[in-house]
PDB file of N, CA and C in Angstrom:
ATOM      1  N   MET A   1     125.038  66.808  74.293  1.00  0.00           N
ATOM      2  CA  MET A   1     125.345  65.405  74.154  1.00  0.00           C
ATOM      3  C   MET A   1     126.502  65.238  73.187  1.00  0.00           C
ATOM      4  N   GLY A   2     127.161  64.166  73.385  1.00  0.00           N
ATOM      5  CA  GLY A   2     128.277  63.888  72.500  1.00  0.00           C
ATOM      6  C   GLY A   2     127.816  63.208  71.226  1.00  0.00           C
ATOM      7  N   LEU A   3     128.725  63.078  70.323  1.00  0.00           N
ATOM      8  CA  LEU A   3     128.432  62.470  69.026  1.00  0.00           C
ATOM      9  C   LEU A   3     128.000  61.017  69.172  1.00  0.00           C
ATOM     10  N   ILE A   4     128.657  60.278  70.068  1.00  0.00           N
ATOM     11  CA  ILE A   4     128.329  58.859  70.244  1.00  0.00           C
ATOM     12  C   ILE A   4     126.917  58.700  70.790  1.00  0.00           C
ATOM     13  N   SER A   5     126.574  59.500  71.797  1.00  0.00           N
ATOM     14  CA  SER A   5     125.224  59.381  72.355  1.00  0.00           C
ATOM     15  C   SER A   5     124.172  59.790  71.329  1.00  0.00           C
ATOM     16  N   GLU A   6     124.461  60.793  70.497  1.00  0.00           N
ATOM     17  CA  GLU A   6     123.522  61.182  69.438  1.00  0.00           C
ATOM     18  C   GLU A   6     123.298  60.035  68.462  1.00  0.00           C
ATOM     19  N   VAL A   7     124.367  59.345  68.082  1.00  0.00           N
ATOM     20  CA  VAL A   7     124.258  58.219  67.149  1.00  0.00           C
ATOM     21  C   VAL A   7     123.482  57.086  67.792  1.00  0.00           C
ATOM     22  N   LEU A   8     123.744  56.818  69.069  1.00  0.00           N
ATOM     23  CA  LEU A   8     123.046  55.730  69.750  1.00  0.00           C
ATOM     24  C   LEU A   8     121.566  56.041  69.965  1.00  0.00           C
ATOM     25  N   LEU A   9     121.245  57.295  70.153  1.00  0.00           N
ATOM     26  CA  LEU A   9     119.853  57.689  70.394  1.00  0.00           C
ATOM     27  C   LEU A   9     119.083  57.989  69.104  1.00  0.00           C
ATOM     28  N   LEU A  10     119.742  57.912  67.975  1.00  0.00           N
ATOM     29  CA  LEU A  10     119.095  58.217  66.700  1.00  0.00           C
ATOM     30  C   LEU A  10     117.837  57.388  66.440  1.00  0.00           C
ATOM     31  N   PRO A  11     117.830  56.090  66.764  1.00  0.00           N
ATOM     32  CA  PRO A  11     116.587  55.329  66.547  1.00  0.00           C
ATOM     33  C   PRO A  11     115.394  55.844  67.360  1.00  0.00           C
ATOM     34  N   LEU A  12     115.675  56.565  68.432  1.00  0.00           N
ATOM     35  CA  LEU A  12     114.590  57.087  69.269  1.00  0.00           C
ATOM     36  C   LEU A  12     114.121  58.469  68.826  1.00  0.00           C
ATOM     37  N   ALA A  13     114.726  59.029  67.820  1.00  0.00           N
ATOM     38  CA  ALA A  13     114.390  60.382  67.368  1.00  0.00           C
ATOM     39  C   ALA A  13     112.907  60.555  67.038  1.00  0.00           C
ATOM     40  N   PRO A  14     112.274  59.614  66.312  1.00  0.00           N
ATOM     41  CA  PRO A  14     110.838  59.808  66.041  1.00  0.00           C
ATOM     42  C   PRO A  14     109.990  59.858  67.312  1.00  0.00           C
ATOM     43  N   ALA A  15     110.334  59.031  68.289  1.00  0.00           N
ATOM     44  CA  ALA A  15     109.578  59.032  69.545  1.00  0.00           C
ATOM     45  C   ALA A  15     109.809  60.338  70.298  1.00  0.00           C
ATOM     46  N   ARG A  16     111.042  60.831  70.303  1.00  0.00           N
ATOM     47  CA  ARG A  16     111.331  62.088  70.976  1.00  0.00           C
ATOM     48  C   ARG A  16     110.615  63.240  70.282  1.00  0.00           C
ATOM     49  N   ALA A  17     110.572  63.215  68.966  1.00  0.00           N
ATOM     50  CA  ALA A  17     109.873  64.270  68.225  1.00  0.00           C
ATOM     51  C   ALA A  17     108.372  64.207  68.482  1.00  0.00           C
ATOM     52  N   SER A  18     107.838  62.998  68.547  1.00  0.00           N
ATOM     53  CA  SER A  18     106.407  62.844  68.841  1.00  0.00           C
ATOM     54  C   SER A  18     106.090  63.371  70.236  1.00  0.00           C
ATOM     55  N   GLY A  19     106.954  63.077  71.180  1.00  0.00           N
ATOM     56  CA  GLY A  19     106.755  63.570  72.546  1.00  0.00           C
ATOM     57  C   GLY A  19     106.770  65.085  72.589  1.00  0.00           C
ATOM     58  N   TRP A  20     107.679  65.695  71.846  1.00  0.00           N
ATOM     59  CA  TRP A  20     107.752  67.152  71.791  1.00  0.00           C
ATOM     60  C   TRP A  20     106.464  67.722  71.195  1.00  0.00           C
ATOM     61  N   ALA A  21     106.000  67.113  70.099  1.00  0.00           N
ATOM     62  CA  ALA A  21     104.785  67.596  69.438  1.00  0.00           C
ATOM     63  C   ALA A  21     103.576  67.476  70.371  1.00  0.00           C
ATOM     64  N   ILE A  22     103.487  66.391  71.094  1.00  0.00           N
ATOM     65  CA  ILE A  22     102.370  66.193  72.026  1.00  0.00           C
ATOM     66  C   ILE A  22     102.414  67.232  73.132  1.00  0.00           C
ATOM     67  N   ARG A  23     103.611  67.524  73.653  1.00  0.00           N
ATOM     68  CA  ARG A  23     103.739  68.551  74.695  1.00  0.00           C
ATOM     69  C   ARG A  23     103.320  69.924  74.172  1.00  0.00           C
ATOM     70  N   GLN A  24     103.666  70.223  72.931  1.00  0.00           N
ATOM     71  CA  GLN A  24     103.286  71.519  72.356  1.00  0.00           C
ATOM     72  C   GLN A  24     101.768  71.631  72.217  1.00  0.00           C
ATOM     73  N   VAL A  25     101.129  70.560  71.758  1.00  0.00           N
ATOM     74  CA  VAL A  25      99.667  70.557  71.610  1.00  0.00           C
ATOM     75  C   VAL A  25      99.000  70.699  72.979  1.00  0.00           C
ATOM     76  N   MET A  26      99.511  69.984  73.969  1.00  0.00           N
ATOM     77  CA  MET A  26      98.934  70.068  75.318  1.00  0.00           C
ATOM     78  C   MET A  26      99.102  71.468  75.908  1.00  0.00           C
ATOM     79  N   ASN A  27     100.251  72.078  75.702  1.00  0.00           N
ATOM     80  CA  ASN A  27     100.471  73.439  76.200  1.00  0.00           C
ATOM     81  C   ASN A  27      99.507  74.433  75.561  1.00  0.00           C
ATOM     82  N   GLU A  28      99.305  74.303  74.269  1.00  0.00           N
ATOM     83  CA  GLU A  28      98.391  75.214  73.568  1.00  0.00           C
ATOM     84  C   GLU A  28      96.945  74.986  74.013  1.00  0.00           C
ATOM     85  N   ALA A  29      96.563  73.725  74.169  1.00  0.00           N
ATOM     86  CA  ALA A  29      95.206  73.422  74.625  1.00  0.00           C
ATOM     87  C   ALA A  29      94.974  73.984  76.029  1.00  0.00           C
ATOM     88  N   GLU A  30      95.965  73.857  76.888  1.00  0.00           N
ATOM     89  CA  GLU A  30      95.847  74.399  78.242  1.00  0.00           C
ATOM     90  C   GLU A  30      95.767  75.925  78.217  1.00  0.00           C
ATOM     91  N   ARG A  31      96.550  76.552  77.351  1.00  0.00           N
ATOM     92  CA  ARG A  31      96.524  78.010  77.241  1.00  0.00           C
ATOM     93  C   ARG A  31      95.137  78.488  76.818  1.00  0.00           C
ATOM     94  N   ILE A  32      94.550  77.818  75.845  1.00  0.00           N
ATOM     95  CA  ILE A  32      93.220  78.197  75.366  1.00  0.00           C
ATOM     96  C   ILE A  32      92.167  77.915  76.445  1.00  0.00           C
ATOM     97  N   TYR A  33      92.302  76.795  77.138  1.00  0.00           N
ATOM     98  CA  TYR A  33      91.334  76.395  78.166  1.00  0.00           C
ATOM     99  C   TYR A  33      91.242  77.447  79.270  1.00  0.00           C
ATOM    100  N   TYR A  34      92.380  78.031  79.646  1.00  0.00           N
ATOM    101  CA  TYR A  34      92.405  79.005  80.721  1.00  0.00           C
ATOM    102  C   TYR A  34      92.401  80.445  80.226  1.00  0.00           C
ATOM    103  N   ASP A  35      92.255  80.676  78.953  1.00  0.00           N
ATOM    104  CA  ASP A  35      92.245  82.039  78.410  1.00  0.00           C
ATOM    105  C   ASP A  35      90.997  82.770  78.911  1.00  0.00           C
ATOM    106  N   PRO A  36      91.182  83.924  79.564  1.00  0.00           N
ATOM    107  CA  PRO A  36      90.029  84.649  80.117  1.00  0.00           C
ATOM    108  C   PRO A  36      88.968  84.996  79.072  1.00  0.00           C
ATOM    109  N   ALA A  37      89.377  85.352  77.870  1.00  0.00           N
ATOM    110  CA  ALA A  37      88.397  85.690  76.828  1.00  0.00           C
ATOM    111  C   ALA A  37      87.567  84.471  76.454  1.00  0.00           C
ATOM    112  N   THR A  38      88.199  83.312  76.391  1.00  0.00           N
ATOM    113  CA  THR A  38      87.481  82.073  76.076  1.00  0.00           C
ATOM    114  C   THR A  38      86.486  81.741  77.178  1.00  0.00           C
ATOM    115  N   VAL A  39      86.910  81.878  78.424  1.00  0.00           N
ATOM    116  CA  VAL A  39      86.031  81.571  79.554  1.00  0.00           C
ATOM    117  C   VAL A  39      84.842  82.529  79.580  1.00  0.00           C
ATOM    118  N   ARG A  40      85.093  83.811  79.331  1.00  0.00           N
ATOM    119  CA  ARG A  40      83.986  84.783  79.320  1.00  0.00           C
ATOM    120  C   ARG A  40      82.990  84.477  78.196  1.00  0.00           C
ATOM    121  N   ALA A  41      83.500  84.063  77.051  1.00  0.00           N
ATOM    122  CA  ALA A  41      82.610  83.706  75.941  1.00  0.00           C
ATOM    123  C   ALA A  41      81.772  82.484  76.307  1.00  0.00           C
ATOM    124  N   GLU A  42      82.376  81.524  76.993  1.00  0.00           N
ATOM    125  CA  GLU A  42      81.629  80.345  77.424  1.00  0.00           C
ATOM    126  C   GLU A  42      80.587  80.710  78.474  1.00  0.00           C
ATOM    127  N   LEU A  43      80.913  81.661  79.353  1.00  0.00           N
ATOM    128  CA  LEU A  43      79.923  82.132  80.332  1.00  0.00           C
ATOM    129  C   LEU A  43      78.725  82.791  79.645  1.00  0.00           C
ATOM    130  N   ALA A  44      78.992  83.588  78.625  1.00  0.00           N
ATOM    131  CA  ALA A  44      77.911  84.239  77.880  1.00  0.00           C
ATOM    132  C   ALA A  44      77.042  83.205  77.179  1.00  0.00           C
ATOM    133  N   ARG A  45      77.685  82.210  76.571  1.00  0.00           N
ATOM    134  CA  ARG A  45      76.942  81.142  75.890  1.00  0.00           C
ATOM    135  C   ARG A  45      76.091  80.367  76.895  1.00  0.00           C
ATOM    136  N   LEU A  46      76.658  80.113  78.070  1.00  0.00           N
ATOM    137  CA  LEU A  46      75.942  79.387  79.113  1.00  0.00           C
ATOM    138  C   LEU A  46      74.707  80.163  79.570  1.00  0.00           C
ATOM    139  N   GLU A  47      74.852  81.473  79.713  1.00  0.00           N
ATOM    140  CA  GLU A  47      73.717  82.310  80.124  1.00  0.00           C
ATOM    141  C   GLU A  47      72.616  82.294  79.060  1.00  0.00           C
ATOM    142  N   GLN A  48      73.020  82.309  77.794  1.00  0.00           N
ATOM    143  CA  GLN A  48      72.034  82.238  76.708  1.00  0.00           C
ATOM    144  C   GLN A  48      71.284  80.902  76.749  1.00  0.00           C
ATOM    145  N   GLN A  49      72.018  79.834  77.047  1.00  0.00           N
ATOM    146  CA  GLN A  49      71.365  78.523  77.133  1.00  0.00           C
ATOM    147  C   GLN A  49      70.357  78.484  78.269  1.00  0.00           C
ATOM    148  N   LEU A  50      70.676  79.114  79.380  1.00  0.00           N
ATOM    149  CA  LEU A  50      69.746  79.157  80.505  1.00  0.00           C
ATOM    150  C   LEU A  50      68.503  79.956  80.136  1.00  0.00           C
ATOM    151  N   GLU A  51      68.696  81.113  79.524  1.00  0.00           N
ATOM    152  CA  GLU A  51      67.564  81.963  79.149  1.00  0.00           C
ATOM    153  C   GLU A  51      66.667  81.310  78.113  1.00  0.00           C
ATOM    154  N   SER A  52      67.245  80.509  77.232  1.00  0.00           N
ATOM    155  CA  SER A  52      66.445  79.854  76.204  1.00  0.00           C
ATOM    156  C   SER A  52      65.830  78.543  76.690  1.00  0.00           C
ATOM    157  N   GLY A  53      66.177  78.136  77.909  1.00  0.00           N
ATOM    158  CA  GLY A  53      65.601  76.921  78.469  1.00  0.00           C
ATOM    159  C   GLY A  53      66.304  75.641  78.055  1.00  0.00           C
ATOM    160  N   GLU A  54      67.473  75.750  77.436  1.00  0.00           N
ATOM    161  CA  GLU A  54      68.214  74.559  77.012  1.00  0.00           C
ATOM    162  C   GLU A  54      68.808  73.801  78.192  1.00  0.00           C
ATOM    163  N   ILE A  55      69.116  74.515  79.275  1.00  0.00           N
ATOM    164  CA  ILE A  55      69.672  73.880  80.471  1.00  0.00           C
ATOM    165  C   ILE A  55      68.884  74.342  81.689  1.00  0.00           C
ATOM    166  N   THR A  56      68.965  73.545  82.748  1.00  0.00           N
ATOM    167  CA  THR A  56      68.265  73.885  83.985  1.00  0.00           C
ATOM    168  C   THR A  56      69.126  74.813  84.829  1.00  0.00           C
ATOM    169  N   GLU A  57      68.513  75.342  85.874  1.00  0.00           N
ATOM    170  CA  GLU A  57      69.234  76.223  86.804  1.00  0.00           C
ATOM    171  C   GLU A  57      70.384  75.471  87.482  1.00  0.00           C
ATOM    172  N   GLU A  58      70.147  74.204  87.826  1.00  0.00           N
ATOM    173  CA  GLU A  58      71.193  73.398  88.460  1.00  0.00           C
ATOM    174  C   GLU A  58      72.379  73.197  87.519  1.00  0.00           C
ATOM    175  N   GLU A  59      72.093  72.868  86.256  1.00  0.00           N
ATOM    176  CA  GLU A  59      73.165  72.694  85.274  1.00  0.00           C
ATOM    177  C   GLU A  59      73.938  73.991  85.084  1.00  0.00           C
ATOM    178  N   PHE A  60      73.186  75.079  85.043  1.00  0.00           N
ATOM    179  CA  PHE A  60      73.825  76.386  84.893  1.00  0.00           C
ATOM    180  C   PHE A  60      74.764  76.668  86.053  1.00  0.00           C
ATOM    181  N   ASP A  61      74.286  76.444  87.287  1.00  0.00           N
ATOM    182  CA  ASP A  61      75.105  76.712  88.469  1.00  0.00           C
ATOM    183  C   ASP A  61      76.376  75.869  88.476  1.00  0.00           C
ATOM    184  N   GLN A  62      76.237  74.602  88.134  1.00  0.00           N
ATOM    185  CA  GLN A  62      77.396  73.707  88.130  1.00  0.00           C
ATOM    186  C   GLN A  62      78.428  74.153  87.084  1.00  0.00           C
ATOM    187  N   GLN A  63      77.963  74.405  85.866  1.00  0.00           N
ATOM    188  CA  GLN A  63      78.876  74.794  84.800  1.00  0.00           C
ATOM    189  C   GLN A  63      79.459  76.185  85.051  1.00  0.00           C
ATOM    190  N   GLU A  64      78.658  77.073  85.628  1.00  0.00           N
ATOM    191  CA  GLU A  64      79.152  78.413  85.937  1.00  0.00           C
ATOM    192  C   GLU A  64      80.277  78.345  86.969  1.00  0.00           C
ATOM    193  N   ASP A  65      80.108  77.491  87.991  1.00  0.00           N
ATOM    194  CA  ASP A  65      81.150  77.339  89.002  1.00  0.00           C
ATOM    195  C   ASP A  65      82.454  76.861  88.374  1.00  0.00           C
ATOM    196  N   GLU A  66      82.360  75.901  87.461  1.00  0.00           N
ATOM    197  CA  GLU A  66      83.559  75.392  86.791  1.00  0.00           C
ATOM    198  C   GLU A  66      84.240  76.490  85.974  1.00  0.00           C
ATOM    199  N   LEU A  67      83.441  77.261  85.261  1.00  0.00           N
ATOM    200  CA  LEU A  67      84.008  78.338  84.442  1.00  0.00           C
ATOM    201  C   LEU A  67      84.627  79.433  85.307  1.00  0.00           C
ATOM    202  N   LEU A  68      83.974  79.759  86.410  1.00  0.00           N
ATOM    203  CA  LEU A  68      84.528  80.776  87.304  1.00  0.00           C
ATOM    204  C   LEU A  68      85.825  80.296  87.956  1.00  0.00           C
ATOM    205  N   ASP A  69      85.909  78.998  88.248  1.00  0.00           N
ATOM    206  CA  ASP A  69      87.158  78.445  88.764  1.00  0.00           C
ATOM    207  C   ASP A  69      88.282  78.589  87.741  1.00  0.00           C
ATOM    208  N   ARG A  70      87.961  78.293  86.486  1.00  0.00           N
ATOM    209  CA  ARG A  70      88.962  78.451  85.421  1.00  0.00           C
ATOM    210  C   ARG A  70      89.397  79.905  85.302  1.00  0.00           C
ATOM    211  N   LEU A  71      88.448  80.815  85.393  1.00  0.00           N
ATOM    212  CA  LEU A  71      88.758  82.243  85.292  1.00  0.00           C
ATOM    213  C   LEU A  71      89.634  82.688  86.463  1.00  0.00           C
ATOM    214  N   GLU A  72      89.343  82.175  87.643  1.00  0.00           N
ATOM    215  CA  GLU A  72      90.147  82.510  88.815  1.00  0.00           C
ATOM    216  C   GLU A  72      91.574  81.983  88.667  1.00  0.00           C
ATOM    217  N   ILE A  73      91.719  80.760  88.186  1.00  0.00           N
ATOM    218  CA  ILE A  73      93.054  80.196  87.965  1.00  0.00           C
ATOM    219  C   ILE A  73      93.808  81.016  86.937  1.00  0.00           C
ATOM    220  N   ALA A  74      93.128  81.415  85.887  1.00  0.00           N
ATOM    221  CA  ALA A  74      93.777  82.213  84.841  1.00  0.00           C
ATOM    222  C   ALA A  74      94.233  83.554  85.392  1.00  0.00           C
ATOM    223  N   SER A  75      93.421  84.196  86.211  1.00  0.00           N
ATOM    224  CA  SER A  75      93.804  85.504  86.742  1.00  0.00           C
ATOM    225  C   SER A  75      94.925  85.379  87.758  1.00  0.00           C
ATOM    226  N   ARG A  76      94.904  84.336  88.582  1.00  0.00           N
ATOM    227  CA  ARG A  76      95.996  84.117  89.546  1.00  0.00           C
ATOM    228  C   ARG A  76      97.300  83.828  88.814  1.00  0.00           C
ATOM    229  N   THR A  77      97.229  83.034  87.774  1.00  0.00           N
ATOM    230  CA  THR A  77      98.422  82.643  87.032  1.00  0.00           C
ATOM    231  C   THR A  77      99.008  83.845  86.294  1.00  0.00           C
ATOM    232  N   SER A  78      98.150  84.631  85.655  1.00  0.00           N
ATOM    233  CA  SER A  78      98.665  85.786  84.917  1.00  0.00           C
ATOM    234  C   SER A  78      99.230  86.837  85.870  1.00  0.00           C
ATOM    235  N   ALA A  79      98.661  86.958  87.060  1.00  0.00           N
ATOM    236  CA  ALA A  79      99.177  87.921  88.036  1.00  0.00           C
ATOM    237  C   ALA A  79     100.483  87.442  88.653  1.00  0.00           C
ATOM    238  N   GLY A  80     100.578  86.138  88.873  1.00  0.00           N
ATOM    239  CA  GLY A  80     101.771  85.602  89.522  1.00  0.00           C
ATOM    240  C   GLY A  80     102.930  85.344  88.594  1.00  0.00           C
ATOM    241  N   LEU A  81     102.647  84.935  87.376  1.00  0.00           N
ATOM    242  CA  LEU A  81     103.711  84.560  86.462  1.00  0.00           C
ATOM    243  C   LEU A  81     103.865  85.510  85.293  1.00  0.00           C
ATOM    244  N   GLY A  82     102.910  86.420  85.112  1.00  0.00           N
ATOM    245  CA  GLY A  82     102.990  87.322  83.968  1.00  0.00           C
ATOM    246  C   GLY A  82     102.589  86.661  82.678  1.00  0.00           C
ATOM    247  N   GLN A  83     101.923  85.505  82.775  1.00  0.00           N
ATOM    248  CA  GLN A  83     101.476  84.776  81.594  1.00  0.00           C
ATOM    249  C   GLN A  83     100.012  84.441  81.785  1.00  0.00           C
ATOM    250  N   GLY A  84      99.392  84.006  80.681  1.00  0.00           N
ATOM    251  CA  GLY A  84      97.983  83.643  80.740  1.00  0.00           C
ATOM    252  C   GLY A  84      97.758  82.155  80.786  1.00  0.00           C
ATOM    253  N   THR A  85      98.784  81.357  81.050  1.00  0.00           N
ATOM    254  CA  THR A  85      98.618  79.921  81.058  1.00  0.00           C
ATOM    255  C   THR A  85      98.640  79.395  82.482  1.00  0.00           C
ATOM    256  N   ALA A  86      98.058  78.252  82.670  1.00  0.00           N
ATOM    257  CA  ALA A  86      98.003  77.641  83.987  1.00  0.00           C
ATOM    258  C   ALA A  86      99.338  76.993  84.312  1.00  0.00           C
ATOM    259  N   PRO A  87      99.610  76.775  85.603  1.00  0.00           N
ATOM    260  CA  PRO A  87     100.873  76.157  86.013  1.00  0.00           C
ATOM    261  C   PRO A  87     101.003  74.737  85.543  1.00  0.00           C
TER     262      PRO A  87
END
């Protein structure tokens, strides 16, 4: 950008910086959400809850399906893009 456009856009700098910060937080949250180690830990915790009677078989099946979907997305993404984050 030129000097004039930088000067004219200066009042918007805080909003642009906030937008950048929000994008960084969202990217990190998405990376953690699809991290295979995180998903496996959640699967283990879910199995413990089922064994201890904290959740029903139906709840377990539903949550397990969601976690396995996340794990599948993570493995497809890491194989296709060489990264561990979702598209």
